[in-house]
Protein backbone atom coordinates (compact mmCIF):
# COMPACT_ATOMS: atom_id res chain seq x y z
CA MET A 1 12.78 -13.38 12.15
CA GLN A 2 9.96 -11.64 11.43
CA GLU A 3 7.21 -11.32 13.41
CA GLU A 4 4.01 -9.44 13.15
CA THR A 5 2.37 -6.08 14.29
CA ARG A 6 -1.17 -5.02 12.94
CA GLY A 7 -0.76 -1.19 11.60
CA SER A 8 -3.57 1.61 10.37
CA VAL A 9 -3.59 3.14 6.94
CA VAL A 10 -2.67 6.75 7.02
CA ALA A 11 -3.15 7.97 3.19
CA VAL A 12 -3.68 5.75 -0.24
CA SER A 13 -1.73 8.16 -3.03
CA ARG A 14 -3.12 6.94 -6.81
CA GLN A 15 -0.18 7.36 -9.11
CA TRP A 16 -2.09 9.26 -11.83
CA TRP A 17 0.73 9.91 -14.45
CA LEU A 18 1.24 5.74 -14.23
CA LYS A 19 -1.59 4.36 -16.13
CA VAL A 20 -2.46 0.98 -16.80
CA ASN A 21 -5.11 0.22 -20.22
CA THR A 22 -7.20 -3.08 -19.53
CA LYS A 23 -9.22 -2.04 -22.53
CA PRO A 24 -7.78 -2.93 -25.81
CA ILE A 25 -9.68 -0.31 -27.72
CA ARG A 26 -11.26 3.17 -25.52
CA ILE A 27 -14.15 4.73 -26.39
CA SER A 28 -12.24 7.91 -23.46
CA GLY A 29 -8.98 9.07 -22.45
CA ALA A 30 -9.77 7.20 -18.97
CA ASP A 31 -11.32 4.35 -20.25
CA GLY A 32 -11.05 0.71 -19.01
CA ALA A 33 -7.75 2.28 -17.72
CA VAL A 34 -6.64 1.24 -14.17
CA TYR A 35 -3.75 3.13 -11.48
CA PRO A 36 -0.81 1.64 -8.81
CA HIS A 37 -1.55 3.67 -5.53
CA ILE A 38 1.41 4.38 -2.60
CA LEU A 39 -0.02 2.44 0.32
CA LYS A 40 1.37 4.89 3.83
CA VAL A 41 1.09 2.94 6.84
CA ARG A 42 2.21 3.18 10.27
CA TYR A 43 2.70 1.08 13.18
CA TRP A 44 4.53 -0.13 16.09
CA VAL A 45 6.49 -1.63 17.72
CA ASP A 46 7.79 -1.65 21.42
CA GLY A 47 6.92 1.94 21.78
CA VAL A 48 8.12 2.87 18.80
CA GLU A 49 6.02 4.39 16.19
CA TYR A 50 6.90 3.57 13.10
CA VAL A 51 5.56 4.86 9.06
CA LYS A 52 5.91 2.20 6.62
CA ARG A 53 5.83 3.76 1.98
CA HIS A 54 4.35 -0.03 0.15
CA TRP A 55 3.77 0.43 -3.45
CA LEU A 56 0.11 -0.96 -4.14
CA PRO A 57 0.27 -2.45 -8.23
CA ALA A 58 -1.99 -1.87 -10.61
CA GLY A 59 -5.74 -3.65 -10.63
CA LYS A 60 -5.29 -4.33 -6.88
CA PRO A 61 -7.89 -3.74 -3.81
CA VAL A 62 -7.46 -0.72 -2.64
CA PRO A 63 -8.25 -0.33 1.30
CA ALA A 64 -9.43 3.10 2.46
CA VAL A 65 -7.51 5.35 5.23
CA GLY A 66 -8.18 3.55 7.63
CA THR A 67 -8.12 0.20 7.63
CA GLU A 68 -5.95 -2.40 9.77
CA VAL A 69 -3.90 -4.86 7.21
CA THR A 70 -0.60 -7.18 9.07
CA VAL A 71 3.10 -6.12 8.83
CA LEU A 72 5.36 -8.32 8.80
CA TYR A 73 8.71 -6.97 10.04
CA GLU A 74 12.23 -8.49 11.29
CA ARG A 75 12.66 -8.23 15.29
CA ASP A 76 16.51 -6.91 14.59
CA ASN A 77 15.52 -4.04 12.62
CA PRO A 78 11.49 -3.44 12.75
CA GLY A 79 12.01 -0.29 10.40
CA LYS A 80 12.99 -2.67 7.39
CA ALA A 81 9.12 -4.50 6.92
CA LYS A 82 6.33 -5.34 4.46
CA LEU A 83 2.30 -5.51 3.93
CA LEU A 84 0.37 -9.20 3.72
């Protein structure tokens, strides 16, 4: 069964080596390029701190560091979680 808690974004890193072009014709190398990101989220369950890394696809809005996000975790294994 899944439970819900709040976590905070600790770090955001851009995967610059995985460029996705959004324009068919470009003027420069980064014209129309979007990149996927990796979020590192810290959350607590029963007084124990967990850190989850989450891959965010290119083009999705990227939360800023310090932003609170919703985390769904399994009651039996709180280390296994996903972000909403």
